[in-house]
Amino acid sequence: MDRRAPDASRMRLCAAAFVTRATARSRLPLDYSERSLRIVDFLIDGLRKGGADREQARDTLFGLGAYVGEILVRRAGAIWIDLDADQRARFGQPVGIRMPDTRVWNPLGKVLNRFEAGGPEESLRLFYLTMHGRMRRAPEDLTS
């Protein structure tokens, strides 16, 4: 993975590259649906149980964070943004997402929290379902 700090314009490509790598050897259902966030939780739990530390899991965690953010872009009306200096200091990340109601969220940090804390309260699926500011899905999206 490219070690340069990502910017918002590259996050969609980062998510797609992660999905390609993650599904090359397995049939993981990473289809950008909110249902696939259960798979993200499962993968993060597997990294923890496998004994990986944060540095060993760095690229995978970044890819999972990009994937989670891209779900929010595709399903909840968010957009990728480059965080300003105050936001970078608060979130510890260079990029985040802005929801339709203008709230800013940190999917990369949420993935790190799940990895470090590991409890069900850090579930990425729960994060999606309970987050404020997400747009309701359009009727044509209800089948996916």
N, C-alpha and C. Protein backbone atom coordinates (compact mmCIF):
# COMPACT_ATOMS: atom_id res chain seq x y z
N MET A 1 0.84 -1.18 0.00
CA MET A 1 0.00 0.00 0.00
C MET A 1 0.88 1.23 0.00
N ASP A 2 0.43 2.26 -0.66
CA ASP A 2 1.10 3.54 -0.70
C ASP A 2 1.12 4.12 0.70
N ARG A 3 2.29 4.47 1.20
CA ARG A 3 2.42 4.98 2.58
C ARG A 3 2.18 6.48 2.69
N ARG A 4 1.99 7.18 1.57
CA ARG A 4 1.68 8.61 1.66
C ARG A 4 0.33 8.79 2.33
N ALA A 5 0.21 9.92 3.02
CA ALA A 5 -1.09 10.22 3.65
C ALA A 5 -2.14 10.34 2.55
N PRO A 6 -3.23 9.64 2.70
CA PRO A 6 -4.27 9.70 1.67
C PRO A 6 -4.98 11.04 1.70
N ASP A 7 -5.56 11.38 0.57
CA ASP A 7 -6.43 12.55 0.55
C ASP A 7 -7.80 12.07 0.09
N ALA A 8 -8.79 12.93 0.27
CA ALA A 8 -10.18 12.56 0.02
C ALA A 8 -10.39 12.07 -1.41
N SER A 9 -9.68 12.65 -2.35
CA SER A 9 -9.89 12.27 -3.75
C SER A 9 -9.44 10.85 -4.05
N ARG A 10 -8.63 10.25 -3.20
CA ARG A 10 -8.12 8.89 -3.42
C ARG A 10 -8.85 7.82 -2.63
N MET A 11 -9.75 8.20 -1.75
CA MET A 11 -10.34 7.21 -0.84
C MET A 11 -11.24 6.20 -1.55
N ARG A 12 -11.96 6.60 -2.56
CA ARG A 12 -12.79 5.64 -3.30
C ARG A 12 -11.90 4.57 -3.94
N LEU A 13 -10.77 4.99 -4.50
CA LEU A 13 -9.83 4.04 -5.10
C LEU A 13 -9.20 3.14 -4.05
N CYS A 14 -8.90 3.69 -2.88
CA CYS A 14 -8.35 2.88 -1.78
C CYS A 14 -9.34 1.79 -1.36
N ALA A 15 -10.60 2.15 -1.26
CA ALA A 15 -11.63 1.18 -0.89
C ALA A 15 -11.75 0.09 -1.96
N ALA A 16 -11.76 0.48 -3.23
CA ALA A 16 -11.88 -0.50 -4.31
C ALA A 16 -10.68 -1.43 -4.35
N ALA A 17 -9.48 -0.87 -4.14
CA ALA A 17 -8.28 -1.71 -4.13
C ALA A 17 -8.32 -2.70 -2.98
N PHE A 18 -8.78 -2.26 -1.82
CA PHE A 18 -8.92 -3.17 -0.69
C PHE A 18 -9.90 -4.30 -1.00
N VAL A 19 -11.04 -3.98 -1.55
CA VAL A 19 -12.04 -5.01 -1.88
C VAL A 19 -11.45 -6.00 -2.87
N THR A 20 -10.74 -5.52 -3.86
CA THR A 20 -10.12 -6.41 -4.85
C THR A 20 -9.14 -7.37 -4.17
N ARG A 21 -8.27 -6.83 -3.30
CA ARG A 21 -7.30 -7.68 -2.58
C ARG A 21 -8.00 -8.66 -1.65
N ALA A 22 -8.99 -8.17 -0.90
CA ALA A 22 -9.65 -9.01 0.11
C ALA A 22 -10.48 -10.11 -0.51
N THR A 23 -10.99 -9.90 -1.70
CA THR A 23 -11.85 -10.91 -2.32
C THR A 23 -11.12 -11.76 -3.36
N ALA A 24 -9.84 -11.50 -3.59
CA ALA A 24 -9.08 -12.26 -4.59
C ALA A 24 -8.95 -13.73 -4.20
N ARG A 25 -8.79 -14.00 -2.90
CA ARG A 25 -8.60 -15.38 -2.45
C ARG A 25 -9.81 -15.95 -1.74
N SER A 26 -10.80 -15.15 -1.52
CA SER A 26 -11.98 -15.63 -0.79
C SER A 26 -13.23 -15.04 -1.42
N ARG A 27 -14.33 -15.52 -0.97
CA ARG A 27 -15.61 -15.05 -1.51
C ARG A 27 -16.32 -14.15 -0.49
N LEU A 28 -15.55 -13.28 0.14
CA LEU A 28 -16.16 -12.36 1.11
C LEU A 28 -17.19 -11.48 0.41
N PRO A 29 -18.37 -11.35 0.97
CA PRO A 29 -19.41 -10.54 0.35
C PRO A 29 -19.23 -9.04 0.66
N LEU A 30 -18.15 -8.47 0.16
CA LEU A 30 -17.89 -7.04 0.35
C LEU A 30 -18.52 -6.30 -0.82
N ASP A 31 -19.81 -5.99 -0.66
CA ASP A 31 -20.61 -5.42 -1.74
C ASP A 31 -21.06 -3.99 -1.46
N TYR A 32 -20.42 -3.34 -0.51
CA TYR A 32 -20.73 -1.95 -0.13
C TYR A 32 -22.13 -1.80 0.45
N SER A 33 -22.69 -2.86 0.96
CA SER A 33 -23.99 -2.76 1.63
C SER A 33 -23.76 -2.60 3.13
N GLU A 34 -24.76 -2.05 3.80
CA GLU A 34 -24.63 -1.95 5.26
C GLU A 34 -24.56 -3.34 5.89
N ARG A 35 -25.15 -4.34 5.24
CA ARG A 35 -25.06 -5.72 5.75
C ARG A 35 -23.60 -6.20 5.79
N SER A 36 -22.80 -5.74 4.85
CA SER A 36 -21.40 -6.20 4.80
C SER A 36 -20.58 -5.65 5.95
N LEU A 37 -21.12 -4.70 6.71
CA LEU A 37 -20.39 -4.21 7.87
C LEU A 37 -20.24 -5.30 8.94
N ARG A 38 -21.10 -6.29 8.92
CA ARG A 38 -20.91 -7.45 9.82
C ARG A 38 -19.62 -8.18 9.46
N ILE A 39 -19.33 -8.26 8.17
CA ILE A 39 -18.09 -8.89 7.71
C ILE A 39 -16.90 -8.08 8.19
N VAL A 40 -17.01 -6.75 8.13
CA VAL A 40 -15.93 -5.88 8.61
C VAL A 40 -15.68 -6.14 10.09
N ASP A 41 -16.73 -6.19 10.89
CA ASP A 41 -16.57 -6.50 12.31
C ASP A 41 -15.88 -7.85 12.49
N PHE A 42 -16.31 -8.84 11.73
CA PHE A 42 -15.74 -10.18 11.81
C PHE A 42 -14.25 -10.17 11.44
N LEU A 43 -13.89 -9.46 10.38
CA LEU A 43 -12.49 -9.40 9.95
C LEU A 43 -11.61 -8.72 11.00
N ILE A 44 -12.11 -7.65 11.57
CA ILE A 44 -11.34 -6.95 12.61
C ILE A 44 -11.17 -7.85 13.83
N ASP A 45 -12.24 -8.52 14.23
CA ASP A 45 -12.13 -9.45 15.36
C ASP A 45 -11.13 -10.56 15.07
N GLY A 46 -11.09 -11.03 13.82
CA GLY A 46 -10.12 -12.05 13.45
C GLY A 46 -8.68 -11.57 13.55
N LEU A 47 -8.45 -10.33 13.16
CA LEU A 47 -7.10 -9.76 13.30
C LEU A 47 -6.68 -9.73 14.77
N ARG A 48 -7.61 -9.31 15.61
CA ARG A 48 -7.31 -9.24 17.05
C ARG A 48 -7.03 -10.63 17.62
N LYS A 49 -7.91 -11.56 17.30
CA LYS A 49 -7.76 -12.92 17.83
C LYS A 49 -6.52 -13.60 17.29
N GLY A 50 -6.11 -13.21 16.08
CA GLY A 50 -4.90 -13.77 15.47
C GLY A 50 -3.62 -13.21 16.05
N GLY A 51 -3.74 -12.22 16.93
CA GLY A 51 -2.58 -11.68 17.62
C GLY A 51 -1.88 -10.54 16.90
N ALA A 52 -2.47 -10.02 15.83
CA ALA A 52 -1.84 -8.91 15.12
C ALA A 52 -1.85 -7.66 15.99
N ASP A 53 -0.74 -6.92 15.94
CA ASP A 53 -0.77 -5.62 16.60
C ASP A 53 -1.13 -4.56 15.57
N ARG A 54 -1.29 -3.34 16.03
CA ARG A 54 -1.77 -2.26 15.16
C ARG A 54 -0.87 -2.06 13.95
N GLU A 55 0.44 -2.13 14.16
CA GLU A 55 1.37 -1.92 13.05
C GLU A 55 1.29 -3.07 12.04
N GLN A 56 1.19 -4.29 12.52
CA GLN A 56 1.07 -5.43 11.61
C GLN A 56 -0.22 -5.38 10.80
N ALA A 57 -1.25 -4.85 11.39
CA ALA A 57 -2.57 -4.81 10.74
C ALA A 57 -2.83 -3.48 10.03
N ARG A 58 -1.85 -2.60 10.01
CA ARG A 58 -2.01 -1.23 9.51
C ARG A 58 -2.71 -1.14 8.16
N ASP A 59 -2.18 -1.83 7.16
CA ASP A 59 -2.75 -1.73 5.81
C ASP A 59 -4.17 -2.28 5.74
N THR A 60 -4.39 -3.39 6.42
CA THR A 60 -5.73 -3.99 6.43
C THR A 60 -6.72 -3.06 7.13
N LEU A 61 -6.33 -2.49 8.25
CA LEU A 61 -7.21 -1.59 8.98
C LEU A 61 -7.51 -0.34 8.15
N PHE A 62 -6.50 0.18 7.46
CA PHE A 62 -6.74 1.32 6.59
C PHE A 62 -7.73 0.95 5.49
N GLY A 63 -7.53 -0.21 4.87
CA GLY A 63 -8.44 -0.66 3.81
C GLY A 63 -9.86 -0.83 4.33
N LEU A 64 -10.00 -1.40 5.50
CA LEU A 64 -11.33 -1.56 6.10
C LEU A 64 -11.96 -0.21 6.40
N GLY A 65 -11.17 0.74 6.88
CA GLY A 65 -11.69 2.08 7.14
C GLY A 65 -12.14 2.78 5.86
N ALA A 66 -11.36 2.61 4.80
CA ALA A 66 -11.75 3.18 3.50
C ALA A 66 -13.04 2.54 3.02
N TYR A 67 -13.16 1.23 3.19
CA TYR A 67 -14.37 0.51 2.79
C TYR A 67 -15.59 1.00 3.58
N VAL A 68 -15.44 1.14 4.90
CA VAL A 68 -16.55 1.63 5.73
C VAL A 68 -16.95 3.03 5.29
N GLY A 69 -15.98 3.89 5.07
CA GLY A 69 -16.28 5.24 4.60
C GLY A 69 -16.99 5.24 3.26
N GLU A 70 -16.57 4.36 2.38
CA GLU A 70 -17.20 4.29 1.06
C GLU A 70 -18.64 3.79 1.15
N ILE A 71 -18.93 2.93 2.11
CA ILE A 71 -20.32 2.53 2.34
C ILE A 71 -21.14 3.76 2.73
N LEU A 72 -20.59 4.59 3.59
CA LEU A 72 -21.30 5.80 4.01
C LEU A 72 -21.49 6.76 2.84
N VAL A 73 -20.53 6.81 1.95
CA VAL A 73 -20.67 7.64 0.75
C VAL A 73 -21.78 7.10 -0.13
N ARG A 74 -21.76 5.81 -0.40
CA ARG A 74 -22.72 5.21 -1.32
C ARG A 74 -24.11 5.06 -0.75
N ARG A 75 -24.22 4.78 0.55
CA ARG A 75 -25.51 4.42 1.14
C ARG A 75 -26.13 5.48 2.02
N ALA A 76 -25.32 6.41 2.52
CA ALA A 76 -25.85 7.35 3.50
C ALA A 76 -25.72 8.80 3.06
N GLY A 77 -25.25 9.04 1.84
CA GLY A 77 -25.18 10.40 1.32
C GLY A 77 -23.97 11.19 1.75
N ALA A 78 -22.95 10.54 2.28
CA ALA A 78 -21.74 11.23 2.74
C ALA A 78 -20.84 11.58 1.56
N ILE A 79 -19.86 12.43 1.82
CA ILE A 79 -18.79 12.71 0.86
C ILE A 79 -17.46 12.63 1.60
N TRP A 80 -16.42 12.18 0.91
CA TRP A 80 -15.08 12.17 1.48
C TRP A 80 -14.58 13.61 1.55
N ILE A 81 -13.92 13.96 2.64
CA ILE A 81 -13.33 15.29 2.79
C ILE A 81 -11.93 15.19 3.37
N ASP A 82 -11.10 16.15 3.01
CA ASP A 82 -9.81 16.32 3.69
C ASP A 82 -10.09 17.10 4.96
N LEU A 83 -9.64 16.57 6.08
CA LEU A 83 -9.91 17.21 7.36
C LEU A 83 -8.99 18.41 7.55
N ASP A 84 -9.51 19.45 8.22
CA ASP A 84 -8.68 20.61 8.52
C ASP A 84 -7.77 20.26 9.71
N ALA A 85 -6.89 21.18 10.06
CA ALA A 85 -5.88 20.92 11.10
C ALA A 85 -6.52 20.54 12.44
N ASP A 86 -7.58 21.23 12.83
CA ASP A 86 -8.24 20.92 14.10
C ASP A 86 -8.88 19.53 14.06
N GLN A 87 -9.52 19.20 12.95
CA GLN A 87 -10.14 17.89 12.81
C GLN A 87 -9.09 16.79 12.77
N ARG A 88 -7.98 17.02 12.08
CA ARG A 88 -6.90 16.02 12.05
C ARG A 88 -6.37 15.77 13.45
N ALA A 89 -6.22 16.84 14.22
CA ALA A 89 -5.73 16.69 15.59
C ALA A 89 -6.73 15.90 16.44
N ARG A 90 -8.02 16.16 16.27
CA ARG A 90 -9.05 15.48 17.06
C ARG A 90 -9.19 14.02 16.65
N PHE A 91 -9.23 13.77 15.35
CA PHE A 91 -9.50 12.42 14.85
C PHE A 91 -8.24 11.59 14.64
N GLY A 92 -7.09 12.23 14.49
CA GLY A 92 -5.86 11.48 14.23
C GLY A 92 -5.79 10.91 12.82
N GLN A 93 -6.56 11.47 11.91
CA GLN A 93 -6.62 11.00 10.52
C GLN A 93 -6.63 12.20 9.58
N PRO A 94 -6.13 12.02 8.35
CA PRO A 94 -6.14 13.14 7.40
C PRO A 94 -7.45 13.31 6.64
N VAL A 95 -8.26 12.27 6.62
CA VAL A 95 -9.51 12.32 5.86
C VAL A 95 -10.67 11.83 6.72
N GLY A 96 -11.87 12.21 6.32
CA GLY A 96 -13.08 11.77 6.99
C GLY A 96 -14.22 11.88 6.00
N ILE A 97 -15.41 11.82 6.52
CA ILE A 97 -16.60 11.99 5.67
C ILE A 97 -17.50 13.07 6.26
N ARG A 98 -18.21 13.73 5.38
CA ARG A 98 -19.21 14.70 5.81
C ARG A 98 -20.57 14.17 5.40
N MET A 99 -21.47 14.14 6.38
CA MET A 99 -22.82 13.65 6.15
C MET A 99 -23.69 14.76 5.56
N PRO A 100 -24.87 14.41 5.03
CA PRO A 100 -25.77 15.42 4.47
C PRO A 100 -26.14 16.53 5.46
N ASP A 101 -26.12 16.25 6.76
CA ASP A 101 -26.46 17.28 7.75
C ASP A 101 -25.23 18.08 8.19
N THR A 102 -24.10 17.89 7.51
CA THR A 102 -22.79 18.56 7.70
C THR A 102 -21.96 18.00 8.84
N ARG A 103 -22.43 16.99 9.56
CA ARG A 103 -21.60 16.38 10.60
C ARG A 103 -20.43 15.67 9.94
N VAL A 104 -19.30 15.69 10.61
CA VAL A 104 -18.09 15.03 10.12
C VAL A 104 -17.85 13.79 10.98
N TRP A 105 -17.57 12.67 10.30
CA TRP A 105 -17.30 11.40 10.97
C TRP A 105 -15.96 10.86 10.52
N ASN A 106 -15.43 9.92 11.29
CA ASN A 106 -14.10 9.40 11.11
C ASN A 106 -14.14 7.87 10.95
N PRO A 107 -14.45 7.35 9.76
CA PRO A 107 -14.53 5.90 9.62
C PRO A 107 -13.19 5.18 9.83
N LEU A 108 -12.08 5.82 9.48
CA LEU A 108 -10.78 5.19 9.70
C LEU A 108 -10.54 5.01 11.20
N GLY A 109 -10.88 6.02 11.97
CA GLY A 109 -10.74 5.93 13.42
C GLY A 109 -11.71 4.95 14.05
N LYS A 110 -12.92 4.85 13.50
CA LYS A 110 -13.89 3.88 14.03
C LYS A 110 -13.37 2.45 13.87
N VAL A 111 -12.72 2.18 12.74
CA VAL A 111 -12.14 0.85 12.53
C VAL A 111 -11.02 0.61 13.54
N LEU A 112 -10.18 1.60 13.77
CA LEU A 112 -9.11 1.45 14.78
C LEU A 112 -9.70 1.22 16.17
N ASN A 113 -10.78 1.94 16.50
CA ASN A 113 -11.43 1.73 17.80
C ASN A 113 -11.94 0.30 17.94
N ARG A 114 -12.53 -0.24 16.89
CA ARG A 114 -13.02 -1.62 16.93
C ARG A 114 -11.86 -2.58 17.15
N PHE A 115 -10.75 -2.33 16.45
CA PHE A 115 -9.58 -3.18 16.59
C PHE A 115 -9.00 -3.11 18.00
N GLU A 116 -8.90 -1.92 18.55
CA GLU A 116 -8.27 -1.77 19.85
C GLU A 116 -9.19 -2.16 21.01
N ALA A 117 -10.47 -1.82 20.93
CA ALA A 117 -11.39 -2.11 22.02
C ALA A 117 -12.05 -3.47 21.86
N GLY A 118 -12.45 -3.77 20.65
CA GLY A 118 -12.99 -5.09 20.35
C GLY A 118 -14.37 -5.42 20.86
N GLY A 119 -14.99 -4.55 21.60
CA GLY A 119 -16.29 -4.88 22.15
C GLY A 119 -17.42 -4.63 21.17
N PRO A 120 -18.59 -5.22 21.46
CA PRO A 120 -19.74 -5.06 20.58
C PRO A 120 -20.20 -3.61 20.45
N GLU A 121 -19.89 -2.79 21.45
CA GLU A 121 -20.27 -1.38 21.37
C GLU A 121 -19.48 -0.63 20.30
N GLU A 122 -18.41 -1.23 19.80
CA GLU A 122 -17.59 -0.63 18.74
C GLU A 122 -17.93 -1.21 17.37
N SER A 123 -19.02 -1.93 17.26
CA SER A 123 -19.43 -2.54 16.00
C SER A 123 -19.60 -1.48 14.91
N LEU A 124 -19.03 -1.76 13.72
CA LEU A 124 -19.19 -0.84 12.59
C LEU A 124 -20.61 -0.88 12.06
N ARG A 125 -21.26 -2.01 12.12
CA ARG A 125 -22.66 -2.09 11.68
C ARG A 125 -23.54 -1.26 12.61
N LEU A 126 -23.32 -1.37 13.91
CA LEU A 126 -24.06 -0.56 14.87
C LEU A 126 -23.78 0.92 14.65
N PHE A 127 -22.54 1.28 14.39
CA PHE A 127 -22.18 2.66 14.08
C PHE A 127 -23.02 3.18 12.92
N TYR A 128 -23.10 2.39 11.85
CA TYR A 128 -23.89 2.81 10.69
C TYR A 128 -25.37 2.98 11.05
N LEU A 129 -25.91 2.01 11.73
CA LEU A 129 -27.34 2.02 12.03
C LEU A 129 -27.76 3.13 12.99
N THR A 130 -26.85 3.58 13.84
CA THR A 130 -27.21 4.57 14.85
C THR A 130 -26.64 5.95 14.58
N MET A 131 -25.88 6.11 13.51
CA MET A 131 -25.25 7.42 13.27
C MET A 131 -26.28 8.46 12.87
N HIS A 132 -26.05 9.65 13.35
CA HIS A 132 -26.91 10.78 13.03
C HIS A 132 -26.48 11.36 11.69
N GLY A 133 -27.43 11.91 10.97
CA GLY A 133 -27.13 12.65 9.76
C GLY A 133 -27.11 11.85 8.49
N ARG A 134 -27.40 10.55 8.58
CA ARG A 134 -27.38 9.78 7.34
C ARG A 134 -28.68 9.96 6.59
N MET A 135 -28.57 9.93 5.29
CA MET A 135 -29.72 10.08 4.42
C MET A 135 -30.45 8.75 4.34
N ARG A 136 -31.74 8.81 4.28
CA ARG A 136 -32.51 7.58 4.06
C ARG A 136 -32.25 7.10 2.65
N ARG A 137 -32.23 5.81 2.49
CA ARG A 137 -31.97 5.27 1.15
C ARG A 137 -33.11 5.58 0.20
N ALA A 138 -32.73 5.75 -1.05
CA ALA A 138 -33.72 5.96 -2.10
C ALA A 138 -34.46 4.64 -2.34
N PRO A 139 -35.71 4.68 -2.80
CA PRO A 139 -36.50 3.46 -3.00
C PRO A 139 -35.79 2.42 -3.88
N GLU A 140 -35.04 2.85 -4.90
CA GLU A 140 -34.38 1.87 -5.76
C GLU A 140 -33.25 1.14 -5.06
N ASP A 141 -32.75 1.67 -3.93
CA ASP A 141 -31.70 1.01 -3.18
C ASP A 141 -32.22 -0.02 -2.19
N LEU A 142 -33.52 -0.10 -1.98
CA LEU A 142 -34.07 -0.97 -0.96
C LEU A 142 -33.84 -2.44 -1.22
N THR A 143 -33.58 -2.82 -2.44
CA THR A 143 -33.38 -4.23 -2.75
C THR A 143 -31.94 -4.65 -2.58
N SER A 144 -31.02 -3.72 -2.42
CA SER A 144 -29.60 -4.12 -2.32
C SER A 144 -29.13 -4.18 -0.90
